Protein backbone atom coordinates (compact mmCIF):
# COMPACT_ATOMS: atom_id res chain seq x y z
CA MET A 1 -20.54 0.14 -36.68
CA ARG A 2 -18.02 -1.47 -34.94
CA ALA A 3 -19.31 -4.00 -31.94
CA THR A 4 -19.30 -2.72 -28.30
CA PRO A 5 -16.51 -4.06 -26.70
CA SER A 6 -17.95 -6.57 -23.73
CA ARG A 7 -17.93 -6.23 -20.12
CA ALA A 8 -18.27 -8.00 -16.97
CA GLY A 9 -21.52 -9.05 -15.21
CA ALA A 10 -23.25 -6.58 -13.28
CA PRO A 11 -21.60 -5.56 -9.99
CA VAL A 12 -22.12 -7.60 -7.19
CA MET A 13 -21.49 -5.15 -3.83
CA GLU A 14 -20.77 -6.83 -0.65
CA SER A 15 -22.98 -6.95 2.56
CA VAL A 16 -22.34 -7.10 6.03
CA ALA A 17 -23.34 -10.30 5.92
CA ASP A 18 -20.34 -11.09 2.81
CA LEU A 19 -17.75 -9.84 5.70
CA LYS A 20 -18.74 -12.05 8.01
CA ASP A 21 -18.48 -15.37 5.76
CA LEU A 22 -14.98 -13.74 4.81
CA ALA A 23 -14.14 -13.43 8.42
CA GLN A 24 -14.68 -17.31 8.72
CA LYS A 25 -12.44 -17.76 5.78
CA LEU A 26 -9.55 -15.88 7.25
CA ASN A 27 -10.01 -17.25 10.42
CA PRO A 28 -12.94 -19.54 11.53
CA THR A 29 -11.41 -18.98 15.74
CA VAL A 30 -12.09 -15.62 15.71
CA GLY A 31 -14.32 -15.04 13.25
CA TYR A 32 -16.04 -11.74 12.72
CA TYR A 33 -14.68 -9.37 14.63
CA ASN A 34 -15.69 -6.38 14.59
CA PRO A 35 -15.00 -3.80 17.42
CA THR A 36 -15.86 -0.45 15.46
CA SER A 37 -19.04 0.24 13.31
CA LEU A 38 -17.15 1.18 10.02
CA ALA A 39 -19.05 -1.64 8.05
CA GLU A 40 -22.59 0.13 9.45
CA MET A 41 -21.59 3.63 8.33
CA GLU A 42 -22.34 5.62 4.73
CA PHE A 43 -19.40 7.41 3.92
CA TRP A 44 -19.59 10.86 2.01
CA GLY A 45 -23.34 9.89 1.54
CA GLN A 46 -23.00 6.65 -0.16
CA SER A 47 -24.29 3.42 0.33
CA GLN A 48 -23.53 0.66 3.32
CA GLU A 49 -22.35 -1.49 0.34
CA ALA A 50 -20.14 1.36 -1.13
CA THR A 51 -18.97 1.87 2.03
CA ILE A 52 -17.96 -1.98 2.66
CA GLY A 53 -16.39 -1.97 -0.83
CA TRP A 54 -13.81 1.66 0.35
CA LEU A 55 -12.84 -0.28 3.27
CA ARG A 56 -11.76 -3.75 1.83
CA GLN A 57 -9.83 -2.40 -0.66
CA ALA A 58 -8.28 0.34 1.77
CA GLU A 59 -7.19 -3.00 3.84
CA ILE A 60 -5.54 -4.86 0.82
CA LYS A 61 -3.60 -2.21 -0.30
CA HIS A 62 -2.48 -0.92 2.77
CA GLY A 63 -1.70 -4.86 3.87
CA ARG A 64 0.19 -4.96 0.68
CA VAL A 65 2.14 -1.66 1.65
CA ALA A 66 3.15 -3.18 5.29
CA MET A 67 4.13 -5.81 3.45
CA PHE A 68 6.79 -4.30 1.49
CA ALA A 69 7.50 -2.31 4.19
CA PHE A 70 7.68 -4.98 6.71
CA VAL A 71 10.43 -6.55 4.34
CA GLY A 72 12.11 -3.24 3.52
CA TYR A 73 12.35 -2.15 7.20
CA CYS A 74 14.33 -5.56 8.17
CA VAL A 75 16.74 -5.13 4.89
CA GLN A 76 17.53 -1.82 5.58
CA ALA A 77 17.53 -2.24 9.43
CA ASN A 78 20.47 -4.48 8.60
CA GLY A 79 22.26 -2.15 6.79
CA ILE A 80 21.72 -4.23 3.42
CA TYR A 81 22.05 -1.88 0.53
CA PHE A 82 22.83 -1.12 -3.38
CA PRO A 83 26.74 -1.26 -3.75
CA PHE A 84 26.60 1.86 -6.49
CA ASP A 85 25.27 5.61 -6.48
CA LEU A 86 22.05 6.43 -4.93
CA THR A 87 22.09 10.30 -7.81
CA THR A 88 24.81 11.49 -10.21
CA SER A 89 25.81 14.30 -7.77
CA GLY A 90 27.90 11.04 -5.86
CA ILE A 91 25.76 10.53 -3.10
CA SER A 92 25.62 6.40 -2.66
CA TYR A 93 23.34 4.03 -0.74
CA ALA A 94 26.08 3.67 1.69
CA ASP A 95 25.56 7.05 2.77
CA ILE A 96 22.43 6.58 3.00
CA SER A 97 22.33 3.37 5.08
CA ALA A 98 24.89 4.96 7.32
CA ALA A 99 22.46 7.42 8.75
CA GLY A 100 20.86 4.92 10.96
CA ALA A 101 17.42 3.51 11.08
CA PRO A 102 15.05 3.06 8.18
CA GLN A 103 13.24 5.93 9.12
CA ALA A 104 16.37 8.23 9.49
CA GLN A 105 17.59 6.51 5.82
CA TRP A 106 14.33 8.29 4.82
CA ASP A 107 14.85 11.59 5.98
CA ALA A 108 18.73 11.29 4.64
CA LEU A 109 17.23 10.64 1.28
CA PRO A 110 18.18 13.91 -1.09
CA THR A 111 14.23 16.02 -1.68
CA ASN A 112 14.06 15.09 -5.15
CA SER A 113 14.53 11.49 -4.19
CA LYS A 114 12.02 11.84 -2.09
CA LEU A 115 9.19 13.88 -4.80
CA GLN A 116 9.81 11.14 -7.14
CA ILE A 117 8.58 8.24 -4.69
CA LEU A 118 5.87 10.41 -3.92
CA LEU A 119 5.28 11.13 -7.36
CA VAL A 120 5.29 7.24 -8.86
CA ILE A 121 3.05 6.64 -5.91
CA GLY A 122 0.51 9.44 -6.95
CA PHE A 123 0.26 7.85 -10.13
CA PHE A 124 0.39 4.55 -9.31
CA GLU A 125 -2.94 6.02 -7.27
CA TRP A 126 -4.10 7.89 -10.00
CA TRP A 127 -4.38 4.48 -12.22
CA SER A 128 -5.99 2.35 -9.61
CA GLU A 129 -9.08 4.87 -9.20
CA ASN A 130 -9.49 5.82 -12.99
CA SER A 131 -12.65 5.03 -13.97
CA ARG A 132 -11.37 4.66 -17.87
CA VAL A 133 -8.92 2.27 -17.21
CA LEU A 134 -11.00 -0.21 -14.86
CA ALA A 135 -13.53 0.38 -18.11
CA MET A 136 -10.88 -0.93 -20.56
CA ASN A 137 -10.21 -4.35 -18.04
CA GLY A 138 -13.90 -4.80 -18.21
CA GLU A 139 -13.89 -4.23 -14.22
CA SER A 140 -15.95 -1.10 -12.38
CA HIS A 141 -14.82 1.12 -9.31
CA TYR A 142 -14.06 -1.02 -5.95
CA MET A 143 -17.09 1.43 -4.46
CA ARG A 144 -19.47 0.30 -7.64
CA GLY A 145 -19.11 -3.27 -7.24
CA GLY A 146 -16.21 -3.89 -8.71
CA LYS A 147 -13.42 -6.26 -7.06
CA PRO A 148 -11.33 -4.56 -3.86
CA GLY A 149 -7.77 -4.94 -4.48
CA TYR A 150 -7.82 -4.72 -8.08
CA PHE A 151 -4.72 -3.43 -10.10
CA PRO A 152 -5.39 -2.49 -14.07
CA PRO A 153 -2.38 -3.53 -16.04
CA PHE A 154 -0.67 -1.08 -17.57
CA SER A 155 -1.41 -2.69 -20.63
CA GLY A 156 -4.62 -1.77 -20.61
CA GLY A 157 -6.27 -4.55 -21.77
CA LYS A 158 -8.05 -5.31 -25.01
CA GLU A 159 -8.62 -1.55 -25.47
CA GLY A 160 -4.94 -0.25 -25.06
CA GLY A 161 -2.76 1.41 -22.01
CA ILE A 162 0.22 3.04 -21.65
CA PRO A 163 1.91 2.98 -25.42
CA HIS A 164 5.18 1.29 -24.50
CA PRO A 165 5.98 -2.09 -23.12
CA THR A 166 5.83 -2.80 -19.19
CA LEU A 167 6.01 -4.68 -16.40
CA ASP A 168 2.49 -5.19 -14.51
CA LEU A 169 2.50 -4.22 -11.15
CA PHE A 170 0.63 -6.83 -10.01
CA ASP A 171 1.67 -9.50 -11.65
CA PRO A 172 4.56 -8.77 -13.76
CA PHE A 173 5.60 -12.14 -14.77
CA GLY A 174 2.00 -13.64 -15.61
CA LEU A 175 2.31 -16.23 -12.95
CA SER A 176 -1.06 -15.86 -11.94
CA ALA A 177 -2.38 -15.17 -15.24
CA LYS A 178 -3.94 -18.80 -15.70
CA ALA A 179 -4.41 -19.51 -11.76
CA SER A 180 -7.79 -20.87 -11.19
CA PRO A 181 -10.45 -19.02 -9.95
CA GLU A 182 -10.11 -21.29 -6.75
CA LYS A 183 -6.40 -21.01 -6.40
CA LYS A 184 -6.77 -17.08 -6.78
CA ALA A 185 -9.59 -16.75 -4.07
CA LYS A 186 -7.08 -18.49 -1.67
CA GLY A 187 -4.15 -16.81 -2.76
CA LEU A 188 -6.57 -13.41 -1.93
CA LEU A 189 -7.06 -15.12 1.96
CA ALA A 190 -3.65 -15.48 2.16
CA GLU A 191 -2.72 -12.07 1.54
CA ILE A 192 -5.16 -10.50 3.56
CA ASN A 193 -4.15 -12.37 6.69
CA ASN A 194 -0.37 -11.71 5.68
CA GLY A 195 -1.09 -8.13 4.76
CA ARG A 196 -2.66 -7.57 8.26
CA LEU A 197 0.34 -9.32 10.47
CA ALA A 198 2.43 -7.45 8.52
CA GLN A 199 0.84 -3.84 9.26
CA ILE A 200 1.17 -5.04 13.08
CA GLY A 201 4.55 -6.01 12.13
CA ILE A 202 5.70 -2.63 10.78
CA MET A 203 3.54 -0.52 13.32
CA ALA A 204 5.41 -2.18 16.19
CA PHE A 205 9.05 -1.29 14.32
CA MET A 206 7.83 1.83 14.27
CA ALA A 207 6.67 2.20 17.81
CA GLU A 208 9.62 0.71 19.18
CA ALA A 209 11.74 3.24 17.46
CA LYS A 210 10.23 5.93 18.80
CA VAL A 211 9.02 4.83 21.98
CA PRO A 212 12.05 2.15 23.58
CA GLY A 213 10.19 -0.31 25.31
CA SER A 214 6.50 -0.09 23.66
CA VAL A 215 6.96 -3.20 22.38
CA PRO A 216 8.65 -5.92 25.08
CA ALA A 217 9.43 -8.53 22.20
CA LEU A 218 11.32 -5.75 20.63
CA LYS A 219 13.21 -4.29 22.83
CA GLY A 220 17.28 -4.02 21.94
CA LEU A 221 16.64 -5.30 18.77
CA VAL A 222 15.38 -1.96 17.41
CA THR A 223 17.18 0.96 16.27
CA PRO A 224 15.71 3.90 18.28
CA TYR A 225 14.50 7.00 16.02
CA ALA A 226 14.55 10.82 17.31
CA GLY A 227 12.42 12.43 14.00
CA GLU A 228 8.65 12.65 13.27
CA CYS A 229 7.38 9.16 11.75
CA MET A 230 4.30 10.29 9.95
CA SER A 231 6.10 13.49 8.23
CA PRO A 232 7.66 13.06 4.82
CA PHE A 233 9.71 15.79 4.74
CA ALA A 234 12.99 16.78 6.99
CA ALA A 235 14.86 19.37 8.17
CA GLY A 236 16.43 18.59 4.33
CA ASP A 237 13.61 19.58 3.13
CA SER A 238 13.14 23.11 4.31
CA VAL A 239 13.39 24.00 0.47
CA LEU A 240 10.07 23.11 -0.31
CA THR A 241 7.08 25.82 0.17
CA TYR A 242 5.73 25.01 4.00
CA VAL A 243 7.78 22.71 5.23
CA PRO A 244 9.67 25.01 7.39
CA GLU A 245 6.17 25.85 8.90
CA MET A 246 5.16 22.54 9.44
CA LEU A 247 8.68 21.07 11.27
CA LYS A 248 7.96 24.27 13.67
CA LEU A 249 4.62 22.89 14.76
CA SER A 250 6.28 19.13 15.13
CA PRO A 251 7.65 18.69 18.65
CA PHE A 252 10.25 16.61 17.65
């Protein structure tokens, strides 16, 4: 019989006390500030600890996306783009950049480009939530005591993963693989703080673009946008089912 692969120790679920301790490490001046009762709730009939795991995962994930979004917004708003074509039909990155604000540039993308991006995002979500993939790396789901923010490598650990060479999303060049636990913990604190600032920053950009003057510090610095910020599809995507009906419901 083959030996059973080793697994991580018993999962440890975080509590409100752990959140308070984390808050002191993140910002000793502010400390634990939670104007909502989310951390005391039990989502979907799960335990309070499972709910805290979900909230911690959500914050880290949204922080990472916001950091990419903030940098991307600054790059696109300053007219920086790749000097070649986006599609084989001749649409170039310059054509997309000429559409205006970064939100307008998204609207200008071909429908197939948007669908490709959404499908890749969907794959990342499936991969990170897949219990079998997590188990291959000795991890548990974040609502079952796993590490919040953990993204399993595409290599799949000792039991195999994607059957061809890949670059892992979280650490593509293996720069942090040999870092000490102390260094990793310090890096996670910095990532959470930076993610929180990035979330505030990207929402400030979006608000100022939609309602000029709503963010006084950005007045006159952000290109106005008249479309629907929260819709992934615009008039150019009317070939998709239900998109025309959705656009009719939008006041913009």
